[in-house]
Amino acid sequence: MAVGLIAAGIGITLVPESVRILHRDNIREVSLQETNATLPIILSHRAGAVSVSLQHHLRLIETLRAHPST
C-alpha cells in the first residue's frame, strides 16, 4: 500500500528492506544505515520527485545519519 502511494506521487515512506523485491521503475530506494534498527529499512520516494517536502525529509534524514543519537 505505502509503495503504491509513492508511485502515485503521494509522499515517502520507510519500509523493511525486503520490500525491494517489489521493484518499480518509478520508485527510488535508498538504503539507510541505522545501527539500532531491528529490520533493515530503506527510504522510498517517487523517482524524479523534487518537491520541497521531499527535499526537507531527505535533508532531515541526512542530518540524522550524520549525527545519530546515542
C-alpha atoms as a PDB file:
ATOM      1  CA  MET A   1       0.000   0.000   0.000  1.00  0.00           C
ATOM      2  CA  ALA A   2       2.643   2.572   1.013  1.00  0.00           C
ATOM      3  CA  VAL A   3       4.756   1.841  -2.059  1.00  0.00           C
ATOM      4  CA  GLY A   4       1.686   2.270  -4.274  1.00  0.00           C
ATOM      5  CA  LEU A   5       1.092   5.705  -2.785  1.00  0.00           C
ATOM      6  CA  ILE A   6       4.690   6.680  -3.504  1.00  0.00           C
ATOM      7  CA  ALA A   7       4.326   5.525  -7.106  1.00  0.00           C
ATOM      8  CA  ALA A   8       1.246   7.755  -7.357  1.00  0.00           C
ATOM      9  CA  GLY A   9       3.330  10.714  -6.127  1.00  0.00           C
ATOM     10  CA  ILE A  10       1.942  10.842  -2.592  1.00  0.00           C
ATOM     11  CA  GLY A  11       4.740  11.122  -0.060  1.00  0.00           C
ATOM     12  CA  ILE A  12       7.650   8.995   1.102  1.00  0.00           C
ATOM     13  CA  THR A  13       7.850   6.006   3.436  1.00  0.00           C
ATOM     14  CA  LEU A  14      10.205   3.880   5.476  1.00  0.00           C
ATOM     15  CA  VAL A  15       9.710   0.179   4.826  1.00  0.00           C
ATOM     16  CA  PRO A  16      11.585  -3.047   5.527  1.00  0.00           C
ATOM     17  CA  GLU A  17      14.346  -3.656   3.002  1.00  0.00           C
ATOM     18  CA  SER A  18      12.541  -6.817   1.890  1.00  0.00           C
ATOM     19  CA  VAL A  19      10.100  -4.553   0.000  1.00  0.00           C
ATOM     20  CA  ARG A  20      12.834  -4.162  -2.652  1.00  0.00           C
ATOM     21  CA  ILE A  21      11.626  -7.391  -4.258  1.00  0.00           C
ATOM     22  CA  LEU A  22       8.589  -5.393  -5.427  1.00  0.00           C
ATOM     23  CA  HIS A  23      10.918  -3.202  -7.538  1.00  0.00           C
ATOM     24  CA  ARG A  24       9.174  -0.487  -9.512  1.00  0.00           C
ATOM     25  CA  ASP A  25      10.952   1.679 -12.081  1.00  0.00           C
ATOM     26  CA  ASN A  26       9.320   4.896 -10.868  1.00  0.00           C
ATOM     27  CA  ILE A  27      10.394   4.500  -7.222  1.00  0.00           C
ATOM     28  CA  ARG A  28      13.861   5.284  -5.894  1.00  0.00           C
ATOM     29  CA  GLU A  29      15.066   3.176  -2.976  1.00  0.00           C
ATOM     30  CA  VAL A  30      17.775   4.388  -0.589  1.00  0.00           C
ATOM     31  CA  SER A  31      19.441   2.092   1.940  1.00  0.00           C
ATOM     32  CA  LEU A  32      19.663   3.546   5.429  1.00  0.00           C
ATOM     33  CA  GLN A  33      22.470   2.699   7.826  1.00  0.00           C
ATOM     34  CA  GLU A  34      20.629   2.788  11.157  1.00  0.00           C
ATOM     35  CA  THR A  35      22.543   0.581  13.590  1.00  0.00           C
ATOM     36  CA  ASN A  36      19.661   0.330  16.069  1.00  0.00           C
ATOM     37  CA  ALA A  37      17.018  -0.772  13.562  1.00  0.00           C
ATOM     38  CA  THR A  38      15.512  -4.179  14.214  1.00  0.00           C
ATOM     39  CA  LEU A  39      14.927  -4.699  10.468  1.00  0.00           C
ATOM     40  CA  PRO A  40      16.932  -3.320   7.549  1.00  0.00           C
ATOM     41  CA  ILE A  41      14.968  -0.355   6.204  1.00  0.00           C
ATOM     42  CA  ILE A  42      15.085   1.808   3.094  1.00  0.00           C
ATOM     43  CA  LEU A  43      13.694   5.199   2.177  1.00  0.00           C
ATOM     44  CA  SER A  44      11.493   5.109  -0.932  1.00  0.00           C
ATOM     45  CA  HIS A  45      10.234   8.039  -2.943  1.00  0.00           C
ATOM     46  CA  ARG A  46       8.928   8.605  -6.435  1.00  0.00           C
ATOM     47  CA  ALA A  47      11.809   8.629  -8.924  1.00  0.00           C
ATOM     48  CA  GLY A  48      12.456  12.139 -10.218  1.00  0.00           C
ATOM     49  CA  ALA A  49      10.426  13.772  -7.436  1.00  0.00           C
ATOM     50  CA  VAL A  50      11.663  17.242  -6.486  1.00  0.00           C
ATOM     51  CA  SER A  51       9.038  18.566  -4.042  1.00  0.00           C
ATOM     52  CA  VAL A  52      10.000  20.889  -1.203  1.00  0.00           C
ATOM     53  CA  SER A  53       8.618  18.366   1.286  1.00  0.00           C
ATOM     54  CA  LEU A  54      10.721  15.529  -0.142  1.00  0.00           C
ATOM     55  CA  GLN A  55      13.870  17.667  -0.118  1.00  0.00           C
ATOM     56  CA  HIS A  56      13.165  18.629   3.511  1.00  0.00           C
ATOM     57  CA  HIS A  57      12.778  14.974   4.547  1.00  0.00           C
ATOM     58  CA  LEU A  58      15.916  13.914   2.680  1.00  0.00           C
ATOM     59  CA  ARG A  59      17.929  16.672   4.420  1.00  0.00           C
ATOM     60  CA  LEU A  60      16.463  15.632   7.772  1.00  0.00           C
ATOM     61  CA  ILE A  61      17.460  12.014   7.214  1.00  0.00           C
ATOM     62  CA  GLU A  62      20.977  13.018   6.149  1.00  0.00           C
ATOM     63  CA  THR A  63      21.283  15.135   9.299  1.00  0.00           C
ATOM     64  CA  LEU A  64      20.131  12.226  11.445  1.00  0.00           C
ATOM     65  CA  ARG A  65      22.598   9.919   9.699  1.00  0.00           C
ATOM     66  CA  ALA A  66      25.453  12.388  10.267  1.00  0.00           C
ATOM     67  CA  HIS A  67      24.564  12.957  13.922  1.00  0.00           C
ATOM     68  CA  PRO A  68      22.935   9.791  15.293  1.00  0.00           C
ATOM     69  CA  SER A  69      21.586   9.894  18.819  1.00  0.00           C
ATOM     70  CA  THR A  70      23.460   7.851  21.389  1.00  0.00           C
END
